[in-house]
């Protein structure tokens, strides 16, 4: 791949390309895992189980039946791509840091979280 003028050594350019690819892969992996958790049919049984547990916990704590899954924290988390995306992108970023170099990990995490929230809108 030819390097742009003014980039100095090819090692700097190669590192920049590697970092960009790492960020892109973290974003895409976070998006896919978020969809797997909140939308995919293959995970519907564990998701329904977790929502039922969250609702039961809400009812025990408050003494009232919520009637809406989003009233409990767990139920809301399992139905919110922005919320779940933030947690999953944090896990993907940390997991990637264990095996590869991640430039500015907090910014990568926030970027992946944002991309995870925005991509479903682009898919519609």
PDB file of N, CA and C in Angstrom:
ATOM      1  N   UNK A   1       0.846  -1.172   0.000  1.00  0.00           N
ATOM      2  CA  UNK A   1       0.000   0.000   0.000  1.00  0.00           C
ATOM      3  C   UNK A   1       0.897   1.243   0.000  1.00  0.00           C
ATOM      4  N   UNK A   2       0.727   2.142  -0.970  1.00  0.00           N
ATOM      5  CA  UNK A   2       1.593   3.325  -0.990  1.00  0.00           C
ATOM      6  C   UNK A   2       1.244   4.260   0.161  1.00  0.00           C
ATOM      7  N   UNK A   3       2.263   4.858   0.739  1.00  0.00           N
ATOM      8  CA  UNK A   3       2.022   5.747   1.861  1.00  0.00           C
ATOM      9  C   UNK A   3       1.875   7.187   1.392  1.00  0.00           C
ATOM     10  N   UNK A   4       1.038   7.968   2.081  1.00  0.00           N
ATOM     11  CA  UNK A   4       0.880   9.372   1.724  1.00  0.00           C
ATOM     12  C   UNK A   4       2.163  10.153   2.009  1.00  0.00           C
ATOM     13  N   UNK A   5       2.400  11.231   1.275  1.00  0.00           N
ATOM     14  CA  UNK A   5       3.602  12.026   1.522  1.00  0.00           C
ATOM     15  C   UNK A   5       3.551  12.659   2.908  1.00  0.00           C
ATOM     16  N   UNK A   6       4.711  12.781   3.522  1.00  0.00           N
ATOM     17  CA  UNK A   6       4.792  13.426   4.825  1.00  0.00           C
ATOM     18  C   UNK A   6       4.568  12.487   5.996  1.00  0.00           C
ATOM     19  N   UNK A   7       4.463  11.191   5.770  1.00  0.00           N
ATOM     20  CA  UNK A   7       4.217  10.234   6.841  1.00  0.00           C
ATOM     21  C   UNK A   7       5.508   9.704   7.451  1.00  0.00           C
ATOM     22  N   UNK A   8       6.638  10.120   6.971  1.00  0.00           N
ATOM     23  CA  UNK A   8       7.900   9.635   7.531  1.00  0.00           C
ATOM     24  C   UNK A   8       8.159   8.203   7.113  1.00  0.00           C
ATOM     25  N   UNK A   9       8.477   7.375   8.071  1.00  0.00           N
ATOM     26  CA  UNK A   9       8.813   5.987   7.759  1.00  0.00           C
ATOM     27  C   UNK A   9       7.556   5.177   7.467  1.00  0.00           C
ATOM     28  N   UNK A  10       7.744   4.093   6.774  1.00  0.00           N
ATOM     29  CA  UNK A  10       6.601   3.235   6.476  1.00  0.00           C
ATOM     30  C   UNK A  10       6.092   2.546   7.740  1.00  0.00           C
ATOM     31  N   UNK A  11       6.944   2.425   8.767  1.00  0.00           N
ATOM     32  CA  UNK A  11       6.517   1.805  10.023  1.00  0.00           C
ATOM     33  C   UNK A  11       5.424   2.635  10.692  1.00  0.00           C
ATOM     34  N   UNK A  12       5.531   3.959  10.620  1.00  0.00           N
ATOM     35  CA  UNK A  12       4.503   4.846  11.187  1.00  0.00           C
ATOM     36  C   UNK A  12       3.192   4.645  10.441  1.00  0.00           C
ATOM     37  N   UNK A  13       3.264   4.617   9.132  1.00  0.00           N
ATOM     38  CA  UNK A  13       2.068   4.423   8.309  1.00  0.00           C
ATOM     39  C   UNK A  13       1.454   3.046   8.560  1.00  0.00           C
ATOM     40  N   UNK A  14       2.299   2.021   8.628  1.00  0.00           N
ATOM     41  CA  UNK A  14       1.801   0.667   8.882  1.00  0.00           C
ATOM     42  C   UNK A  14       1.101   0.580  10.240  1.00  0.00           C
ATOM     43  N   UNK A  15       1.654   1.230  11.250  1.00  0.00           N
ATOM     44  CA  UNK A  15       1.028   1.236  12.578  1.00  0.00           C
ATOM     45  C   UNK A  15      -0.316   1.960  12.537  1.00  0.00           C
ATOM     46  N   UNK A  16      -0.385   3.053  11.794  1.00  0.00           N
ATOM     47  CA  UNK A  16      -1.627   3.805  11.661  1.00  0.00           C
ATOM     48  C   UNK A  16      -2.713   2.946  11.004  1.00  0.00           C
ATOM     49  N   UNK A  17      -2.352   2.231   9.962  1.00  0.00           N
ATOM     50  CA  UNK A  17      -3.304   1.346   9.276  1.00  0.00           C
ATOM     51  C   UNK A  17      -3.750   0.227  10.214  1.00  0.00           C
ATOM     52  N   UNK A  18      -2.805  -0.349  10.953  1.00  0.00           N
ATOM     53  CA  UNK A  18      -3.146  -1.421  11.895  1.00  0.00           C
ATOM     54  C   UNK A  18      -4.088  -0.903  12.983  1.00  0.00           C
ATOM     55  N   UNK A  19      -3.820   0.282  13.512  1.00  0.00           N
ATOM     56  CA  UNK A  19      -4.689   0.862  14.540  1.00  0.00           C
ATOM     57  C   UNK A  19      -6.087   1.130  13.991  1.00  0.00           C
ATOM     58  N   UNK A  20      -6.162   1.648  12.782  1.00  0.00           N
ATOM     59  CA  UNK A  20      -7.463   1.924  12.164  1.00  0.00           C
ATOM     60  C   UNK A  20      -8.258   0.631  11.958  1.00  0.00           C
ATOM     61  N   UNK A  21      -7.580  -0.411  11.505  1.00  0.00           N
ATOM     62  CA  UNK A  21      -8.229  -1.702  11.318  1.00  0.00           C
ATOM     63  C   UNK A  21      -8.695  -2.283  12.659  1.00  0.00           C
ATOM     64  N   UNK A  22      -7.884  -2.146  13.694  1.00  0.00           N
ATOM     65  CA  UNK A  22      -8.261  -2.627  15.028  1.00  0.00           C
ATOM     66  C   UNK A  22      -9.519  -1.927  15.519  1.00  0.00           C
ATOM     67  N   UNK A  23      -9.577  -0.610  15.372  1.00  0.00           N
ATOM     68  CA  UNK A  23     -10.759   0.150  15.810  1.00  0.00           C
ATOM     69  C   UNK A  23     -11.988  -0.280  15.015  1.00  0.00           C
ATOM     70  N   UNK A  24     -11.842  -0.424  13.707  1.00  0.00           N
ATOM     71  CA  UNK A  24     -12.975  -0.844  12.871  1.00  0.00           C
ATOM     72  C   UNK A  24     -13.475  -2.230  13.283  1.00  0.00           C
ATOM     73  N   UNK A  25     -12.561  -3.160  13.534  1.00  0.00           N
ATOM     74  CA  UNK A  25     -12.967  -4.508  13.930  1.00  0.00           C
ATOM     75  C   UNK A  25     -13.626  -4.519  15.314  1.00  0.00           C
ATOM     76  N   UNK A  26     -13.143  -3.706  16.234  1.00  0.00           N
ATOM     77  CA  UNK A  26     -13.786  -3.600  17.552  1.00  0.00           C
ATOM     78  C   UNK A  26     -15.206  -3.079  17.389  1.00  0.00           C
ATOM     79  N   UNK A  27     -15.386  -2.069  16.550  1.00  0.00           N
ATOM     80  CA  UNK A  27     -16.722  -1.510  16.317  1.00  0.00           C
ATOM     81  C   UNK A  27     -17.667  -2.552  15.726  1.00  0.00           C
ATOM     82  N   UNK A  28     -17.214  -3.261  14.705  1.00  0.00           N
ATOM     83  CA  UNK A  28     -18.072  -4.247  14.047  1.00  0.00           C
ATOM     84  C   UNK A  28     -18.360  -5.448  14.951  1.00  0.00           C
ATOM     85  N   UNK A  29     -17.365  -5.903  15.686  1.00  0.00           N
ATOM     86  CA  UNK A  29     -17.581  -7.030  16.609  1.00  0.00           C
ATOM     87  C   UNK A  29     -18.551  -6.630  17.714  1.00  0.00           C
ATOM     88  N   UNK A  30     -18.423  -5.423  18.220  1.00  0.00           N
ATOM     89  CA  UNK A  30     -19.337  -4.943  19.263  1.00  0.00           C
ATOM     90  C   UNK A  30     -20.764  -4.876  18.740  1.00  0.00           C
ATOM     91  N   UNK A  31     -20.910  -4.386  17.522  1.00  0.00           N
ATOM     92  CA  UNK A  31     -22.250  -4.301  16.919  1.00  0.00           C
ATOM     93  C   UNK A  31     -22.869  -5.683  16.764  1.00  0.00           C
ATOM     94  N   UNK A  32     -22.099  -6.622  16.242  1.00  0.00           N
ATOM     95  CA  UNK A  32     -22.640  -7.970  16.013  1.00  0.00           C
ATOM     96  C   UNK A  32     -23.008  -8.661  17.320  1.00  0.00           C
ATOM     97  N   UNK A  33     -22.144  -8.553  18.321  1.00  0.00           N
ATOM     98  CA  UNK A  33     -22.433  -9.182  19.616  1.00  0.00           C
ATOM     99  C   UNK A  33     -23.644  -8.537  20.294  1.00  0.00           C
ATOM    100  N   UNK A  34     -23.808  -7.235  20.135  1.00  0.00           N
ATOM    101  CA  UNK A  34     -24.979  -6.555  20.698  1.00  0.00           C
ATOM    102  C   UNK A  34     -26.249  -7.068  20.043  1.00  0.00           C
ATOM    103  N   UNK A  35     -26.236  -7.200  18.727  1.00  0.00           N
ATOM    104  CA  UNK A  35     -27.411  -7.753  18.041  1.00  0.00           C
ATOM    105  C   UNK A  35     -27.679  -9.188  18.478  1.00  0.00           C
ATOM    106  N   UNK A  36     -26.620  -9.952  18.675  1.00  0.00           N
ATOM    107  CA  UNK A  36     -26.772 -11.331  19.130  1.00  0.00           C
ATOM    108  C   UNK A  36     -27.496 -11.374  20.475  1.00  0.00           C
ATOM    109  N   UNK A  37     -27.139 -10.490  21.373  1.00  0.00           N
ATOM    110  CA  UNK A  37     -27.725 -10.489  22.710  1.00  0.00           C
ATOM    111  C   UNK A  37     -29.159  -9.951  22.711  1.00  0.00           C
ATOM    112  N   UNK A  38     -29.432  -8.851  22.008  1.00  0.00           N
ATOM    113  CA  UNK A  38     -30.744  -8.213  22.149  1.00  0.00           C
ATOM    114  C   UNK A  38     -31.762  -8.597  21.087  1.00  0.00           C
ATOM    115  N   UNK A  39     -31.327  -9.136  19.943  1.00  0.00           N
ATOM    116  CA  UNK A  39     -32.275  -9.362  18.843  1.00  0.00           C
ATOM    117  C   UNK A  39     -32.348 -10.778  18.292  1.00  0.00           C
ATOM    118  N   UNK A  40     -31.240 -11.468  18.227  1.00  0.00           N
ATOM    119  CA  UNK A  40     -31.200 -12.717  17.478  1.00  0.00           C
ATOM    120  C   UNK A  40     -32.060 -13.813  18.103  1.00  0.00           C
ATOM    121  N   UNK A  41     -32.623 -14.600  17.232  1.00  0.00           N
ATOM    122  CA  UNK A  41     -33.482 -15.700  17.655  1.00  0.00           C
ATOM    123  C   UNK A  41     -32.722 -16.757  18.451  1.00  0.00           C
ATOM    124  N   UNK A  42     -31.464 -16.963  18.099  1.00  0.00           N
ATOM    125  CA  UNK A  42     -30.665 -18.000  18.749  1.00  0.00           C
ATOM    126  C   UNK A  42     -30.491 -17.734  20.248  1.00  0.00           C
ATOM    127  N   UNK A  43     -30.573 -16.485  20.658  1.00  0.00           N
ATOM    128  CA  UNK A  43     -30.417 -16.145  22.077  1.00  0.00           C
ATOM    129  C   UNK A  43     -31.744 -15.759  22.731  1.00  0.00           C
ATOM    130  N   UNK A  44     -32.848 -16.063  22.092  1.00  0.00           N
ATOM    131  CA  UNK A  44     -34.150 -15.655  22.649  1.00  0.00           C
ATOM    132  C   UNK A  44     -34.465 -16.381  23.956  1.00  0.00           C
ATOM    133  N   UNK A  45     -34.133 -17.641  24.066  1.00  0.00           N
ATOM    134  CA  UNK A  45     -34.436 -18.381  25.301  1.00  0.00           C
ATOM    135  C   UNK A  45     -33.685 -17.808  26.503  1.00  0.00           C
ATOM    136  N   UNK A  46     -32.352 -17.616  26.428  1.00  0.00           N
ATOM    137  CA  UNK A  46     -31.670 -16.999  27.576  1.00  0.00           C
ATOM    138  C   UNK A  46     -32.142 -15.572  27.843  1.00  0.00           C
ATOM    139  N   UNK A  47     -32.490 -14.828  26.778  1.00  0.00           N
ATOM    140  CA  UNK A  47     -32.963 -13.457  26.942  1.00  0.00           C
ATOM    141  C   UNK A  47     -34.301 -13.423  27.680  1.00  0.00           C
ATOM    142  N   UNK A  48     -35.228 -14.295  27.304  1.00  0.00           N
ATOM    143  CA  UNK A  48     -36.526 -14.365  27.976  1.00  0.00           C
ATOM    144  C   UNK A  48     -36.339 -14.792  29.429  1.00  0.00           C
ATOM    145  N   UNK A  49     -35.443 -15.755  29.670  1.00  0.00           N
ATOM    146  CA  UNK A  49     -35.160 -16.194  31.035  1.00  0.00           C
ATOM    147  C   UNK A  49     -34.638 -15.026  31.869  1.00  0.00           C
ATOM    148  N   UNK A  50     -33.677 -14.276  31.318  1.00  0.00           N
ATOM    149  CA  UNK A  50     -33.091 -13.146  32.051  1.00  0.00           C
ATOM    150  C   UNK A  50     -34.131 -12.047  32.297  1.00  0.00           C
ATOM    151  N   UNK A  51     -34.984 -11.784  31.317  1.00  0.00           N
ATOM    152  CA  UNK A  51     -36.032 -10.770  31.505  1.00  0.00           C
ATOM    153  C   UNK A  51     -37.022 -11.210  32.571  1.00  0.00           C
ATOM    154  N   UNK A  52     -37.376 -12.484  32.588  1.00  0.00           N
ATOM    155  CA  UNK A  52     -38.282 -13.002  33.605  1.00  0.00           C
ATOM    156  C   UNK A  52     -37.675 -12.857  34.987  1.00  0.00           C
ATOM    157  N   UNK A  53     -36.388 -13.189  35.117  1.00  0.00           N
ATOM    158  CA  UNK A  53     -35.692 -13.023  36.399  1.00  0.00           C
ATOM    159  C   UNK A  53     -35.651 -11.551  36.812  1.00  0.00           C
ATOM    160  N   UNK A  54     -35.387 -10.669  35.860  1.00  0.00           N
ATOM    161  CA  UNK A  54     -35.318  -9.235  36.165  1.00  0.00           C
ATOM    162  C   UNK A  54     -36.683  -8.723  36.622  1.00  0.00           C
ATOM    163  N   UNK A  55     -37.737  -9.183  35.969  1.00  0.00           N
ATOM    164  CA  UNK A  55     -39.096  -8.768  36.353  1.00  0.00           C
ATOM    165  C   UNK A  55     -39.454  -9.274  37.753  1.00  0.00           C
ATOM    166  N   UNK A  56     -39.089 -10.526  38.042  1.00  0.00           N
ATOM    167  CA  UNK A  56     -39.364 -11.090  39.361  1.00  0.00           C
ATOM    168  C   UNK A  56     -38.601 -10.320  40.440  1.00  0.00           C
ATOM    169  N   UNK A  57     -37.371  -9.961  40.143  1.00  0.00           N
ATOM    170  CA  UNK A  57     -36.568  -9.189  41.086  1.00  0.00           C
ATOM    171  C   UNK A  57     -37.183  -7.810  41.318  1.00  0.00           C
ATOM    172  N   UNK A  58     -37.647  -7.182  40.245  1.00  0.00           N
ATOM    173  CA  UNK A  58     -38.304  -5.871  40.355  1.00  0.00           C
ATOM    174  C   UNK A  58     -39.549  -5.972  41.224  1.00  0.00           C
ATOM    175  N   UNK A  59     -40.327  -7.029  41.006  1.00  0.00           N
ATOM    176  CA  UNK A  59     -41.557  -7.224  41.775  1.00  0.00           C
ATOM    177  C   UNK A  59     -41.247  -7.455  43.256  1.00  0.00           C
ATOM    178  N   UNK A  60     -40.212  -8.243  43.564  1.00  0.00           N
ATOM    179  CA  UNK A  60     -39.821  -8.471  44.960  1.00  0.00           C
ATOM    180  C   UNK A  60     -39.361  -7.183  45.633  1.00  0.00           C
ATOM    181  N   UNK A  61     -38.566  -6.382  44.916  1.00  0.00           N
ATOM    182  CA  UNK A  61     -38.027  -5.149  45.491  1.00  0.00           C
ATOM    183  C   UNK A  61     -39.094  -4.089  45.728  1.00  0.00           C
ATOM    184  N   UNK A  62     -39.994  -3.926  44.771  1.00  0.00           N
ATOM    185  CA  UNK A  62     -40.948  -2.821  44.845  1.00  0.00           C
ATOM    186  C   UNK A  62     -42.313  -3.248  45.368  1.00  0.00           C
ATOM    187  N   UNK A  63     -42.598  -4.541  45.339  1.00  0.00           N
ATOM    188  CA  UNK A  63     -43.908  -5.013  45.764  1.00  0.00           C
ATOM    189  C   UNK A  63     -44.994  -4.815  44.722  1.00  0.00           C
ATOM    190  N   UNK A  64     -44.620  -4.395  43.548  1.00  0.00           N
ATOM    191  CA  UNK A  64     -45.611  -4.212  42.482  1.00  0.00           C
ATOM    192  C   UNK A  64     -45.138  -4.859  41.191  1.00  0.00           C
ATOM    193  N   UNK A  65     -46.095  -5.275  40.415  1.00  0.00           N
ATOM    194  CA  UNK A  65     -45.784  -5.877  39.112  1.00  0.00           C
ATOM    195  C   UNK A  65     -45.574  -4.756  38.122  1.00  0.00           C
ATOM    196  N   UNK A  66     -44.482  -4.833  37.372  1.00  0.00           N
ATOM    197  CA  UNK A  66     -44.158  -3.725  36.473  1.00  0.00           C
ATOM    198  C   UNK A  66     -45.081  -3.670  35.261  1.00  0.00           C
ATOM    199  N   UNK A  67     -45.403  -4.815  34.695  1.00  0.00           N
ATOM    200  CA  UNK A  67     -46.242  -4.839  33.497  1.00  0.00           C
ATOM    201  C   UNK A  67     -45.480  -4.471  32.235  1.00  0.00           C
ATOM    202  N   UNK A  68     -44.336  -3.873  32.379  1.00  0.00           N
ATOM    203  CA  UNK A  68     -43.482  -3.498  31.251  1.00  0.00           C
ATOM    204  C   UNK A  68     -42.071  -3.958  31.551  1.00  0.00           C
ATOM    205  N   UNK A  69     -41.456  -4.645  30.577  1.00  0.00           N
ATOM    206  CA  UNK A  69     -40.123  -5.166  30.826  1.00  0.00           C
ATOM    207  C   UNK A  69     -39.084  -4.060  31.000  1.00  0.00           C
ATOM    208  N   UNK A  70     -39.347  -2.882  30.474  1.00  0.00           N
ATOM    209  CA  UNK A  70     -38.349  -1.823  30.554  1.00  0.00           C
ATOM    210  C   UNK A  70     -38.299  -1.149  31.918  1.00  0.00           C
ATOM    211  N   UNK A  71     -39.254  -1.443  32.802  1.00  0.00           N
ATOM    212  CA  UNK A  71     -39.229  -0.821  34.118  1.00  0.00           C
ATOM    213  C   UNK A  71     -38.154  -1.403  35.027  1.00  0.00           C
ATOM    214  N   UNK A  72     -37.761  -2.618  34.782  1.00  0.00           N
ATOM    215  CA  UNK A  72     -36.674  -3.191  35.569  1.00  0.00           C
ATOM    216  C   UNK A  72     -35.361  -2.893  34.844  1.00  0.00           C
ATOM    217  N   UNK A  73     -34.293  -2.762  35.607  1.00  0.00           N
ATOM    218  CA  UNK A  73     -32.999  -2.430  35.038  1.00  0.00           C
ATOM    219  C   UNK A  73     -32.543  -3.509  34.055  1.00  0.00           C
ATOM    220  N   UNK A  74     -32.664  -4.763  34.452  1.00  0.00           N
ATOM    221  CA  UNK A  74     -32.227  -5.854  33.589  1.00  0.00           C
ATOM    222  C   UNK A  74     -33.048  -5.961  32.322  1.00  0.00           C
ATOM    223  N   UNK A  75     -34.354  -5.795  32.454  1.00  0.00           N
ATOM    224  CA  UNK A  75     -35.221  -5.846  31.281  1.00  0.00           C
ATOM    225  C   UNK A  75     -34.928  -4.712  30.315  1.00  0.00           C
ATOM    226  N   UNK A  76     -34.686  -3.538  30.876  1.00  0.00           N
ATOM    227  CA  UNK A  76     -34.357  -2.384  30.040  1.00  0.00           C
ATOM    228  C   UNK A  76     -33.040  -2.613  29.317  1.00  0.00           C
ATOM    229  N   UNK A  77     -32.040  -3.100  30.048  1.00  0.00           N
ATOM    230  CA  UNK A  77     -30.729  -3.344  29.462  1.00  0.00           C
ATOM    231  C   UNK A  77     -30.820  -4.325  28.296  1.00  0.00           C
ATOM    232  N   UNK A  78     -31.627  -5.356  28.437  1.00  0.00           N
ATOM    233  CA  UNK A  78     -31.742  -6.381  27.397  1.00  0.00           C
ATOM    234  C   UNK A  78     -32.520  -5.919  26.176  1.00  0.00           C
ATOM    235  N   UNK A  79     -33.185  -4.780  26.263  1.00  0.00           N
ATOM    236  CA  UNK A  79     -33.966  -4.272  25.135  1.00  0.00           C
ATOM    237  C   UNK A  79     -33.416  -2.987  24.547  1.00  0.00           C
ATOM    238  N   UNK A  80     -32.335  -2.485  25.087  1.00  0.00           N
ATOM    239  CA  UNK A  80     -31.787  -1.202  24.660  1.00  0.00           C
ATOM    240  C   UNK A  80     -30.445  -1.407  23.952  1.00  0.00           C
ATOM    241  N   UNK A  81     -30.397  -1.207  22.620  1.00  0.00           N
ATOM    242  CA  UNK A  81     -29.131  -1.412  21.925  1.00  0.00           C
ATOM    243  C   UNK A  81     -28.047  -0.429  22.365  1.00  0.00           C
ATOM    244  N   UNK A  82     -28.419   0.775  22.741  1.00  0.00           N
ATOM    245  CA  UNK A  82     -27.427   1.750  23.197  1.00  0.00           C
ATOM    246  C   UNK A  82     -26.823   1.306  24.530  1.00  0.00           C
ATOM    247  N   UNK A  83     -27.678   0.835  25.446  1.00  0.00           N
ATOM    248  CA  UNK A  83     -27.199   0.424  26.777  1.00  0.00           C
ATOM    249  C   UNK A  83     -26.350  -0.843  26.693  1.00  0.00           C
ATOM    250  N   UNK A  84     -26.904  -1.857  26.066  1.00  0.00           N
ATOM    251  CA  UNK A  84     -26.179  -3.118  25.949  1.00  0.00           C
ATOM    252  C   UNK A  84     -24.920  -2.935  25.102  1.00  0.00           C
ATOM    253  N   UNK A  85     -25.012  -2.087  24.080  1.00  0.00           N
ATOM    254  CA  UNK A  85     -23.861  -1.816  23.230  1.00  0.00           C
ATOM    255  C   UNK A  85     -22.697  -1.204  23.989  1.00  0.00           C
ATOM    256  N   UNK A  86     -23.007  -0.362  24.967  1.00  0.00           N
ATOM    257  CA  UNK A  86     -21.943   0.249  25.765  1.00  0.00           C
ATOM    258  C   UNK A  86     -21.189  -0.806  26.566  1.00  0.00           C
ATOM    259  N   UNK A  87     -21.932  -1.723  27.181  1.00  0.00           N
ATOM    260  CA  UNK A  87     -21.282  -2.776  27.980  1.00  0.00           C
ATOM    261  C   UNK A  87     -20.530  -3.761  27.114  1.00  0.00           C
ATOM    262  N   UNK A  88     -21.136  -4.157  26.007  1.00  0.00           N
ATOM    263  CA  UNK A  88     -20.480  -5.126  25.129  1.00  0.00           C
ATOM    264  C   UNK A  88     -19.248  -4.518  24.464  1.00  0.00           C
ATOM    265  N   UNK A  89     -19.336  -3.265  24.037  1.00  0.00           N
ATOM    266  CA  UNK A  89     -18.163  -2.641  23.420  1.00  0.00           C
ATOM    267  C   UNK A  89     -17.035  -2.467  24.437  1.00  0.00           C
ATOM    268  N   UNK A  90     -17.375  -2.244  25.702  1.00  0.00           N
ATOM    269  CA  UNK A  90     -16.340  -2.183  26.748  1.00  0.00           C
ATOM    270  C   UNK A  90     -15.655  -3.538  26.871  1.00  0.00           C
ATOM    271  N   UNK A  91     -16.441  -4.610  26.881  1.00  0.00           N
ATOM    272  CA  UNK A  91     -15.872  -5.954  27.000  1.00  0.00           C
ATOM    273  C   UNK A  91     -15.014  -6.307  25.785  1.00  0.00           C
ATOM    274  N   UNK A  92     -15.478  -5.943  24.596  1.00  0.00           N
ATOM    275  CA  UNK A  92     -14.703  -6.238  23.379  1.00  0.00           C
ATOM    276  C   UNK A  92     -13.394  -5.435  23.378  1.00  0.00           C
ATOM    277  N   UNK A  93     -13.463  -4.183  23.801  1.00  0.00           N
ATOM    278  CA  UNK A  93     -12.258  -3.350  23.851  1.00  0.00           C
ATOM    279  C   UNK A  93     -11.240  -3.918  24.842  1.00  0.00           C
ATOM    280  N   UNK A  94     -11.712  -4.279  26.028  1.00  0.00           N
ATOM    281  CA  UNK A  94     -10.809  -4.853  27.035  1.00  0.00           C
ATOM    282  C   UNK A  94     -10.255  -6.195  26.551  1.00  0.00           C
ATOM    283  N   UNK A  95     -11.107  -7.016  25.975  1.00  0.00           N
ATOM    284  CA  UNK A  95     -10.655  -8.303  25.451  1.00  0.00           C
ATOM    285  C   UNK A  95      -9.612  -8.139  24.363  1.00  0.00           C
ATOM    286  N   UNK A  96      -9.794  -7.162  23.508  1.00  0.00           N
ATOM    287  CA  UNK A  96      -8.823  -6.907  22.450  1.00  0.00           C
ATOM    288  C   UNK A  96      -7.511  -6.408  23.038  1.00  0.00           C
ATOM    289  N   UNK A  97      -7.605  -5.608  24.100  1.00  0.00           N
ATOM    290  CA  UNK A  97      -6.388  -5.096  24.749  1.00  0.00           C
ATOM    291  C   UNK A  97      -5.531  -6.223  25.316  1.00  0.00           C
ATOM    292  N   UNK A  98      -6.154  -7.347  25.638  1.00  0.00           N
ATOM    293  CA  UNK A  98      -5.404  -8.477  26.185  1.00  0.00           C
ATOM    294  C   UNK A  98      -4.540  -9.173  25.135  1.00  0.00           C
ATOM    295  N   UNK A  99      -4.909  -9.029  23.866  1.00  0.00           N
ATOM    296  CA  UNK A  99      -4.183  -9.742  22.815  1.00  0.00           C
ATOM    297  C   UNK A  99      -3.550  -8.830  21.763  1.00  0.00           C
ATOM    298  N   UNK A 100      -3.921  -7.553  21.749  1.00  0.00           N
ATOM    299  CA  UNK A 100      -3.389  -6.635  20.737  1.00  0.00           C
ATOM    300  C   UNK A 100      -3.291  -5.230  21.313  1.00  0.00           C
ATOM    301  N   UNK A 101      -2.588  -4.406  20.614  1.00  0.00           N
ATOM    302  CA  UNK A 101      -2.465  -3.008  21.019  1.00  0.00           C
ATOM    303  C   UNK A 101      -3.720  -2.250  20.594  1.00  0.00           C
ATOM    304  N   UNK A 102      -4.320  -1.534  21.537  1.00  0.00           N
ATOM    305  CA  UNK A 102      -5.498  -0.712  21.234  1.00  0.00           C
ATOM    306  C   UNK A 102      -5.132   0.737  21.526  1.00  0.00           C
ATOM    307  N   UNK A 103      -5.157   1.588  20.495  1.00  0.00           N
ATOM    308  CA  UNK A 103      -4.809   2.981  20.716  1.00  0.00           C
ATOM    309  C   UNK A 103      -5.933   3.710  21.455  1.00  0.00           C
ATOM    310  N   UNK A 104      -5.619   4.465  22.481  1.00  0.00           N
ATOM    311  CA  UNK A 104      -6.595   5.256  23.228  1.00  0.00           C
ATOM    312  C   UNK A 104      -7.855   4.436  23.556  1.00  0.00           C
ATOM    313  N   UNK A 105      -7.743   3.433  24.416  1.00  0.00           N
ATOM    314  CA  UNK A 105      -8.828   2.477  24.633  1.00  0.00           C
ATOM    315  C   UNK A 105     -10.155   3.092  25.072  1.00  0.00           C
ATOM    316  N   UNK A 106     -10.140   4.139  25.871  1.00  0.00           N
ATOM    317  CA  UNK A 106     -11.409   4.745  26.300  1.00  0.00           C
ATOM    318  C   UNK A 106     -12.120   5.372  25.104  1.00  0.00           C
ATOM    319  N   UNK A 107     -11.365   6.031  24.241  1.00  0.00           N
ATOM    320  CA  UNK A 107     -11.985   6.617  23.044  1.00  0.00           C
ATOM    321  C   UNK A 107     -12.465   5.534  22.082  1.00  0.00           C
ATOM    322  N   UNK A 108     -11.721   4.454  21.978  1.00  0.00           N
ATOM    323  CA  UNK A 108     -12.150   3.336  21.127  1.00  0.00           C
ATOM    324  C   UNK A 108     -13.435   2.740  21.680  1.00  0.00           C
ATOM    325  N   UNK A 109     -13.511   2.568  23.004  1.00  0.00           N
ATOM    326  CA  UNK A 109     -14.723   2.027  23.623  1.00  0.00           C
ATOM    327  C   UNK A 109     -15.919   2.924  23.332  1.00  0.00           C
ATOM    328  N   UNK A 110     -15.773   4.235  23.534  1.00  0.00           N
ATOM    329  CA  UNK A 110     -16.891   5.154  23.292  1.00  0.00           C
ATOM    330  C   UNK A 110     -17.271   5.202  21.814  1.00  0.00           C
ATOM    331  N   UNK A 111     -16.277   5.111  20.943  1.00  0.00           N
ATOM    332  CA  UNK A 111     -16.559   5.073  19.505  1.00  0.00           C
ATOM    333  C   UNK A 111     -17.312   3.801  19.137  1.00  0.00           C
ATOM    334  N   UNK A 112     -16.866   2.674  19.640  1.00  0.00           N
ATOM    335  CA  UNK A 112     -17.535   1.401  19.350  1.00  0.00           C
ATOM    336  C   UNK A 112     -18.961   1.411  19.892  1.00  0.00           C
ATOM    337  N   UNK A 113     -19.151   1.980  21.057  1.00  0.00           N
ATOM    338  CA  UNK A 113     -20.486   2.072  21.639  1.00  0.00           C
ATOM    339  C   UNK A 113     -21.399   2.924  20.762  1.00  0.00           C
ATOM    340  N   UNK A 114     -20.889   4.033  20.273  1.00  0.00           N
ATOM    341  CA  UNK A 114     -21.676   4.916  19.404  1.00  0.00           C
ATOM    342  C   UNK A 114     -21.999   4.245  18.079  1.00  0.00           C
ATOM    343  N   UNK A 115     -21.009   3.603  17.483  1.00  0.00           N
ATOM    344  CA  UNK A 115     -21.231   2.898  16.212  1.00  0.00           C
ATOM    345  C   UNK A 115     -22.273   1.795  16.412  1.00  0.00           C
ATOM    346  N   UNK A 116     -22.191   1.085  17.528  1.00  0.00           N
ATOM    347  CA  UNK A 116     -23.147   0.024  17.825  1.00  0.00           C
ATOM    348  C   UNK A 116     -24.563   0.567  17.932  1.00  0.00           C
ATOM    349  N   UNK A 117     -24.719   1.749  18.478  1.00  0.00           N
ATOM    350  CA  UNK A 117     -26.047   2.360  18.578  1.00  0.00           C
ATOM    351  C   UNK A 117     -26.556   2.904  17.260  1.00  0.00           C
ATOM    352  N   UNK A 118     -25.648   3.406  16.418  1.00  0.00           N
ATOM    353  CA  UNK A 118     -26.058   4.030  15.163  1.00  0.00           C
ATOM    354  C   UNK A 118     -26.276   3.056  14.012  1.00  0.00           C
ATOM    355  N   UNK A 119     -25.538   1.948  13.989  1.00  0.00           N
ATOM    356  CA  UNK A 119     -25.652   1.013  12.863  1.00  0.00           C
ATOM    357  C   UNK A 119     -27.063   0.436  12.666  1.00  0.00           C
ATOM    358  N   UNK A 120     -27.801   0.094  13.735  1.00  0.00           N
ATOM    359  CA  UNK A 120     -29.158  -0.414  13.489  1.00  0.00           C
ATOM    360  C   UNK A 120     -30.048   0.601  12.767  1.00  0.00           C
ATOM    361  N   UNK A 121     -29.825   1.875  12.998  1.00  0.00           N
ATOM    362  CA  UNK A 121     -30.593   2.898  12.293  1.00  0.00           C
ATOM    363  C   UNK A 121     -30.250   2.912  10.807  1.00  0.00           C
ATOM    364  N   UNK A 122     -28.988   2.686  10.491  1.00  0.00           N
ATOM    365  CA  UNK A 122     -28.554   2.667   9.095  1.00  0.00           C
ATOM    366  C   UNK A 122     -29.064   1.419   8.373  1.00  0.00           C
ATOM    367  N   UNK A 123     -29.319   0.338   9.131  1.00  0.00           N
ATOM    368  CA  UNK A 123     -29.781  -0.907   8.529  1.00  0.00           C
ATOM    369  C   UNK A 123     -31.248  -0.849   8.128  1.00  0.00           C
ATOM    370  N   UNK A 124     -31.986   0.051   8.713  1.00  0.00           N
ATOM    371  CA  UNK A 124     -33.436   0.124   8.421  1.00  0.00           C
ATOM    372  C   UNK A 124     -33.718   0.711   7.075  1.00  0.00           C
TER     373      UNK A 124
END
